[in-house]
Amino acid sequence: MDDFLIYLRLGFDHITDPGGYDHILFVIALCAIYTPGQWRQVLILVTAFTIGHSITLALATLQLIHYKTALIELLIPITILITAVVNFFFQEPKSRGAKTVTQRSRYVLALLFGLIHGMGFSNYLRSLLGREASIVKPLLAFNLGLELGQLVIVGIILTLTYIILNVARSSRLRWTLVISGIVAGMALSLIIENEYLGELMK
């Protein structure tokens, strides 16, 4: 198999792997307030996240920035918790097509938090690259794989949202609160169990 396809698959598998569900939780938290009819807003949001993690994934893989891996592993669940909690205060625009300050801030938040997640992705990618002569092609392929994986997760979430709202006839507010509450609880658990936080508190 061509190396490009190999790294594309590795990127896809990495973000969709249930064993490393922290990134999945973040995408769920991003999409929790939206309905399938708002897919354009979701696409912009996920694109902002992609831009953010693409920047630091490239910089970290090229070793142009350095950081403590343990700190990033703590910050990632913190970004998930913040995103989930922000969902409780989200307000719909009063007119169709209008954008609230909250919506705009979500795009910025997704971009900034993407920077943190990109550093988390880079640890895995660096371990795969080994002594590759050129990392540009693998880096691009891995990033595209991550993006495809994110879109699959988004598709599943929006489909589930459609079923809950239109088939089960649950209210949108209730669904948002339930899914965001579950994500927030799981993120909080990851934070509490984080070894780096334990060391800081000693």
Protein backbone atom coordinates (compact mmCIF):
# COMPACT_ATOMS: atom_id res chain seq x y z
CA MET A 1 0.00 0.00 0.00
CA ASP A 2 1.20 3.52 -0.81
CA ASP A 3 2.73 5.33 2.18
CA PHE A 4 0.24 8.18 1.78
CA LEU A 5 -2.70 5.80 2.22
CA ILE A 6 -0.99 4.13 5.16
CA TYR A 7 -0.66 7.40 7.08
CA LEU A 8 -4.14 8.46 5.98
CA ARG A 9 -5.52 5.28 7.55
CA LEU A 10 -3.39 5.73 10.67
CA GLY A 11 -4.77 9.26 11.17
CA PHE A 12 -8.33 8.04 10.67
CA ASP A 13 -7.86 5.10 13.04
CA HIS A 14 -6.18 7.27 15.67
CA ILE A 15 -9.04 9.72 16.13
CA THR A 16 -11.78 7.08 15.83
CA ASP A 17 -10.09 4.61 18.18
CA PRO A 18 -12.40 4.04 21.19
CA GLY A 19 -9.30 3.36 23.29
CA GLY A 20 -8.22 6.98 22.90
CA TYR A 21 -11.66 8.45 23.28
CA ASP A 22 -10.62 11.88 24.55
CA HIS A 23 -10.57 13.40 21.05
CA ILE A 24 -13.93 11.74 20.27
CA LEU A 25 -15.39 13.35 23.40
CA PHE A 26 -14.18 16.75 22.26
CA VAL A 27 -15.85 16.42 18.84
CA ILE A 28 -19.06 15.26 20.56
CA ALA A 29 -18.95 18.28 22.86
CA LEU A 30 -18.48 20.60 19.87
CA CYS A 31 -21.51 19.15 18.05
CA ALA A 32 -23.84 18.59 21.01
CA ILE A 33 -25.86 21.79 20.56
CA TYR A 34 -26.49 21.41 16.83
CA THR A 35 -29.15 19.68 14.72
CA PRO A 36 -28.59 18.02 11.30
CA GLY A 37 -30.05 21.12 9.65
CA GLN A 38 -27.17 23.16 11.06
CA TRP A 39 -24.50 21.01 9.41
CA ARG A 40 -22.86 24.08 7.83
CA GLN A 41 -22.17 25.58 11.26
CA VAL A 42 -20.82 22.25 12.44
CA LEU A 43 -18.56 22.05 9.39
CA ILE A 44 -17.15 25.52 10.12
CA LEU A 45 -16.62 24.55 13.75
CA VAL A 46 -14.82 21.30 12.90
CA THR A 47 -12.75 23.13 10.26
CA ALA A 48 -11.65 25.66 12.90
CA PHE A 49 -10.60 22.76 15.13
CA THR A 50 -8.76 21.15 12.18
CA ILE A 51 -6.88 24.36 11.40
CA GLY A 52 -5.79 24.61 15.02
CA HIS A 53 -4.55 21.05 15.40
CA SER A 54 -2.95 21.08 11.93
CA ILE A 55 -0.74 24.00 12.95
CA THR A 56 0.64 22.49 16.15
CA LEU A 57 0.72 18.97 14.72
CA ALA A 58 3.06 20.23 12.00
CA LEU A 59 5.17 22.38 14.33
CA ALA A 60 5.52 19.68 16.97
CA THR A 61 6.23 16.89 14.48
CA LEU A 62 8.92 19.05 12.88
CA GLN A 63 10.19 19.71 16.43
CA LEU A 64 9.82 23.46 16.04
CA ILE A 65 7.96 23.67 19.35
CA HIS A 66 8.60 21.76 22.56
CA TYR A 67 6.32 21.01 25.49
CA LYS A 68 5.69 18.62 28.33
CA THR A 69 3.66 15.65 27.09
CA ALA A 70 2.19 15.13 30.55
CA LEU A 71 0.91 18.72 30.60
CA ILE A 72 -0.81 18.31 27.22
CA GLU A 73 -2.44 15.09 28.41
CA LEU A 74 -3.93 17.12 31.26
CA LEU A 75 -4.96 20.09 29.11
CA ILE A 76 -6.86 17.95 26.57
CA PRO A 77 -9.57 16.76 29.01
CA ILE A 78 -9.73 20.31 30.40
CA THR A 79 -10.60 21.57 26.89
CA ILE A 80 -13.30 18.89 26.69
CA LEU A 81 -14.76 19.90 30.05
CA ILE A 82 -14.81 23.61 29.15
CA THR A 83 -16.47 22.92 25.78
CA ALA A 84 -19.14 20.73 27.41
CA VAL A 85 -19.84 23.28 30.15
CA VAL A 86 -20.10 26.13 27.60
CA ASN A 87 -22.91 24.14 25.94
CA PHE A 88 -25.11 24.77 28.98
CA PHE A 89 -25.01 28.53 28.28
CA PHE A 90 -25.35 28.48 24.49
CA GLN A 91 -28.06 30.74 23.05
CA GLU A 92 -29.69 30.38 19.65
CA PRO A 93 -29.67 33.46 17.37
CA LYS A 94 -33.03 35.23 17.32
CA SER A 95 -33.20 35.40 13.53
CA ARG A 96 -32.35 32.78 10.91
CA GLY A 97 -28.80 33.14 9.61
CA ALA A 98 -27.75 35.49 12.41
CA LYS A 99 -24.70 34.70 14.48
CA THR A 100 -24.53 35.33 18.18
CA VAL A 101 -21.39 36.31 20.03
CA THR A 102 -21.53 32.87 21.60
CA GLN A 103 -21.41 31.18 18.20
CA ARG A 104 -18.44 33.24 17.09
CA SER A 105 -16.65 32.51 20.35
CA ARG A 106 -17.19 28.77 19.76
CA TYR A 107 -15.28 29.02 16.48
CA VAL A 108 -12.41 30.77 18.24
CA LEU A 109 -12.53 28.26 21.09
CA ALA A 110 -12.42 25.34 18.65
CA LEU A 111 -9.39 26.86 16.93
CA LEU A 112 -7.50 27.50 20.18
CA PHE A 113 -8.33 24.10 21.64
CA GLY A 114 -7.31 22.54 18.34
CA LEU A 115 -3.80 23.88 18.97
CA ILE A 116 -3.65 21.83 22.18
CA HIS A 117 -5.07 18.67 20.61
CA GLY A 118 -2.56 18.95 17.76
CA MET A 119 0.28 18.56 20.24
CA GLY A 120 -1.44 15.44 21.54
CA PHE A 121 -1.71 14.02 18.01
CA SER A 122 1.97 14.72 17.35
CA ASN A 123 3.16 12.31 20.04
CA TYR A 124 1.53 9.44 18.18
CA LEU A 125 2.69 10.60 14.74
CA ARG A 126 6.31 11.05 15.82
CA SER A 127 6.35 7.49 17.14
CA LEU A 128 5.17 6.28 13.72
CA LEU A 129 7.58 8.30 11.62
CA GLY A 130 10.74 6.84 13.10
CA ARG A 131 13.55 7.81 10.76
CA GLU A 132 11.49 8.83 7.74
CA ALA A 133 13.60 10.94 5.37
CA SER A 134 10.72 13.29 4.62
CA ILE A 135 7.77 13.86 6.90
CA VAL A 136 5.80 16.33 4.77
CA LYS A 137 3.82 13.66 2.90
CA PRO A 138 3.10 11.51 5.99
CA LEU A 139 2.13 14.66 7.91
CA LEU A 140 -0.36 15.72 5.24
CA ALA A 141 -1.82 12.22 4.95
CA PHE A 142 -2.15 11.83 8.72
CA ASN A 143 -3.89 15.20 8.98
CA LEU A 144 -6.36 14.28 6.24
CA GLY A 145 -7.02 11.00 8.02
CA LEU A 146 -7.79 12.89 11.23
CA GLU A 147 -10.19 15.16 9.34
CA LEU A 148 -12.02 12.24 7.73
CA GLY A 149 -12.31 10.57 11.13
CA GLN A 150 -13.76 13.74 12.62
CA LEU A 151 -16.35 13.97 9.85
CA VAL A 152 -17.42 10.38 10.47
CA ILE A 153 -17.85 11.14 14.18
CA VAL A 154 -19.83 14.28 13.32
CA GLY A 155 -22.04 12.29 10.96
CA ILE A 156 -22.80 9.73 13.67
CA ILE A 157 -23.59 12.44 16.23
CA LEU A 158 -25.91 14.37 13.91
CA THR A 159 -27.67 11.16 12.87
CA LEU A 160 -28.18 10.22 16.51
CA THR A 161 -29.44 13.75 17.21
CA TYR A 162 -31.97 13.42 14.39
CA ILE A 163 -33.23 10.12 15.82
CA ILE A 164 -33.51 11.51 19.35
CA LEU A 165 -35.28 14.71 18.31
CA ASN A 166 -37.52 13.45 15.50
CA VAL A 167 -38.15 9.79 16.27
CA ALA A 168 -37.93 9.67 20.06
CA ARG A 169 -39.45 13.18 20.20
CA SER A 170 -37.11 14.37 22.92
CA SER A 171 -36.65 18.11 23.39
CA ARG A 172 -33.51 19.69 21.97
CA LEU A 173 -32.63 21.31 25.28
CA ARG A 174 -32.90 18.03 27.15
CA TRP A 175 -30.72 16.23 24.59
CA THR A 176 -28.08 18.97 24.74
CA LEU A 177 -28.00 18.89 28.53
CA VAL A 178 -27.81 15.09 28.68
CA ILE A 179 -25.06 14.62 26.10
CA SER A 180 -23.04 17.59 27.39
CA GLY A 181 -23.45 16.37 30.98
CA ILE A 182 -22.17 12.90 30.07
CA VAL A 183 -19.17 14.34 28.22
CA ALA A 184 -18.42 16.75 31.08
CA GLY A 185 -18.53 13.91 33.59
CA MET A 186 -16.17 11.74 31.56
CA ALA A 187 -13.79 14.66 31.03
CA LEU A 188 -13.79 15.43 34.75
CA SER A 189 -12.95 11.80 35.44
CA LEU A 190 -9.98 11.99 33.04
CA ILE A 191 -8.76 15.15 34.79
CA ILE A 192 -9.02 13.63 38.26
CA GLU A 193 -7.20 10.48 37.16
CA ASN A 194 -4.43 12.40 35.39
CA GLU A 195 -1.02 11.57 36.89
CA TYR A 196 0.46 14.98 36.14
CA LEU A 197 -2.29 16.70 38.11
CA GLY A 198 -1.61 14.31 40.98
CA GLU A 199 2.04 15.31 40.99
CA LEU A 200 1.17 19.01 40.94
CA MET A 201 -1.08 18.59 43.97
CA LYS A 202 1.54 16.81 46.08
